[in-house]
Amino acid sequence: ASEIGDNYWSTEIAIPWEEIRVKPTPGTEIGFNFAGNDYKDYWVTWGPTYGSFQRPNTFSYLRLK
């Protein structure tokens, strides 16, 4: 599900745990980035990419609860 507001966007994502080989247990941290294409600003991301999506050291983290 996605929602676009006046100055934000929000999305809900279903993650296939088996495909990314993670057992979803509380406290697990996962390096993660999410990108979208904005008609005005082109690419927007949750974590900084500094011009490349292939930089895991710049990813943000999800901590499972």
C-alpha atoms as a PDB file:
ATOM      1  CA  ALA A   1       0.000   0.000   0.000  1.00  0.00           C
ATOM      2  CA  SER A   2       1.222   3.514  -0.749  1.00  0.00           C
ATOM      3  CA  GLU A   3       0.115   7.019   0.143  1.00  0.00           C
ATOM      4  CA  ILE A   4       1.268  10.350  -1.261  1.00  0.00           C
ATOM      5  CA  GLY A   5       0.763  13.445   0.890  1.00  0.00           C
ATOM      6  CA  ASP A   6       1.531  17.121   0.367  1.00  0.00           C
ATOM      7  CA  ASN A   7       5.128  16.805   1.582  1.00  0.00           C
ATOM      8  CA  TYR A   8       5.698  13.064   2.141  1.00  0.00           C
ATOM      9  CA  TRP A   9       5.164   9.608   0.780  1.00  0.00           C
ATOM     10  CA  SER A  10       4.554   6.429   2.718  1.00  0.00           C
ATOM     11  CA  THR A  11       4.594   2.792   1.682  1.00  0.00           C
ATOM     12  CA  GLU A  12       3.965  -0.643   3.166  1.00  0.00           C
ATOM     13  CA  ILE A  13       6.103  -3.514   1.875  1.00  0.00           C
ATOM     14  CA  ALA A  14       5.659  -7.288   2.148  1.00  0.00           C
ATOM     15  CA  ILE A  15       9.087  -8.910   2.625  1.00  0.00           C
ATOM     16  CA  PRO A  16       9.521 -12.572   1.545  1.00  0.00           C
ATOM     17  CA  TRP A  17      11.784 -13.669   4.428  1.00  0.00           C
ATOM     18  CA  GLU A  18      12.758 -16.953   2.752  1.00  0.00           C
ATOM     19  CA  GLU A  19      14.078 -15.150  -0.339  1.00  0.00           C
ATOM     20  CA  ILE A  20      16.362 -12.813   1.597  1.00  0.00           C
ATOM     21  CA  ARG A  21      17.419 -15.625   3.955  1.00  0.00           C
ATOM     22  CA  VAL A  22      16.495 -13.868   7.192  1.00  0.00           C
ATOM     23  CA  LYS A  23      14.627 -15.414  10.087  1.00  0.00           C
ATOM     24  CA  PRO A  24      12.366 -12.600  11.342  1.00  0.00           C
ATOM     25  CA  THR A  25      13.197 -12.530  15.055  1.00  0.00           C
ATOM     26  CA  PRO A  26      12.909  -9.524  17.387  1.00  0.00           C
ATOM     27  CA  GLY A  27      16.108  -7.472  17.570  1.00  0.00           C
ATOM     28  CA  THR A  28      17.410  -8.532  14.147  1.00  0.00           C
ATOM     29  CA  GLU A  29      18.872  -5.601  12.186  1.00  0.00           C
ATOM     30  CA  ILE A  30      18.776  -5.585   8.393  1.00  0.00           C
ATOM     31  CA  GLY A  31      20.672  -3.191   6.098  1.00  0.00           C
ATOM     32  CA  PHE A  32      17.961  -1.657   3.952  1.00  0.00           C
ATOM     33  CA  ASN A  33      17.327   1.064   1.430  1.00  0.00           C
ATOM     34  CA  PHE A  34      14.189   1.976  -0.411  1.00  0.00           C
ATOM     35  CA  ALA A  35      14.081   4.097  -3.562  1.00  0.00           C
ATOM     36  CA  GLY A  36      11.344   5.704  -5.574  1.00  0.00           C
ATOM     37  CA  ASN A  37      11.175   7.739  -8.736  1.00  0.00           C
ATOM     38  CA  ASP A  38       9.896  11.258  -8.145  1.00  0.00           C
ATOM     39  CA  TYR A  39       8.756  13.124 -11.265  1.00  0.00           C
ATOM     40  CA  LYS A  40      10.209  16.366  -9.879  1.00  0.00           C
ATOM     41  CA  ASP A  41      13.452  15.319  -8.138  1.00  0.00           C
ATOM     42  CA  TYR A  42      14.092  12.026  -9.978  1.00  0.00           C
ATOM     43  CA  TRP A  43      15.343   9.387  -7.522  1.00  0.00           C
ATOM     44  CA  VAL A  44      14.557   9.706  -3.843  1.00  0.00           C
ATOM     45  CA  THR A  45      15.829   7.225  -1.262  1.00  0.00           C
ATOM     46  CA  TRP A  46      15.354   6.474   2.396  1.00  0.00           C
ATOM     47  CA  GLY A  47      19.094   6.131   3.018  1.00  0.00           C
ATOM     48  CA  PRO A  48      21.735   8.286   1.323  1.00  0.00           C
ATOM     49  CA  THR A  49      23.227   6.792  -1.856  1.00  0.00           C
ATOM     50  CA  TYR A  50      25.720   9.467  -2.894  1.00  0.00           C
ATOM     51  CA  GLY A  51      25.076   8.649  -6.550  1.00  0.00           C
ATOM     52  CA  SER A  52      25.045   4.819  -6.381  1.00  0.00           C
ATOM     53  CA  PHE A  53      22.514   2.310  -5.089  1.00  0.00           C
ATOM     54  CA  GLN A  54      25.279  -0.296  -4.743  1.00  0.00           C
ATOM     55  CA  ARG A  55      26.826   1.037  -1.514  1.00  0.00           C
ATOM     56  CA  PRO A  56      25.623  -1.123   1.397  1.00  0.00           C
ATOM     57  CA  ASN A  57      27.724   0.892   3.840  1.00  0.00           C
ATOM     58  CA  THR A  58      25.329   3.831   3.275  1.00  0.00           C
ATOM     59  CA  PHE A  59      22.154   1.803   3.853  1.00  0.00           C
ATOM     60  CA  SER A  60      19.848   2.548   6.744  1.00  0.00           C
ATOM     61  CA  TYR A  61      18.813  -0.243   9.107  1.00  0.00           C
ATOM     62  CA  LEU A  62      15.547  -1.866   9.999  1.00  0.00           C
ATOM     63  CA  ARG A  63      15.318  -3.296  13.497  1.00  0.00           C
ATOM     64  CA  LEU A  64      12.614  -5.936  13.867  1.00  0.00           C
ATOM     65  CA  LYS A  65      10.305  -5.814  16.858  1.00  0.00           C
END
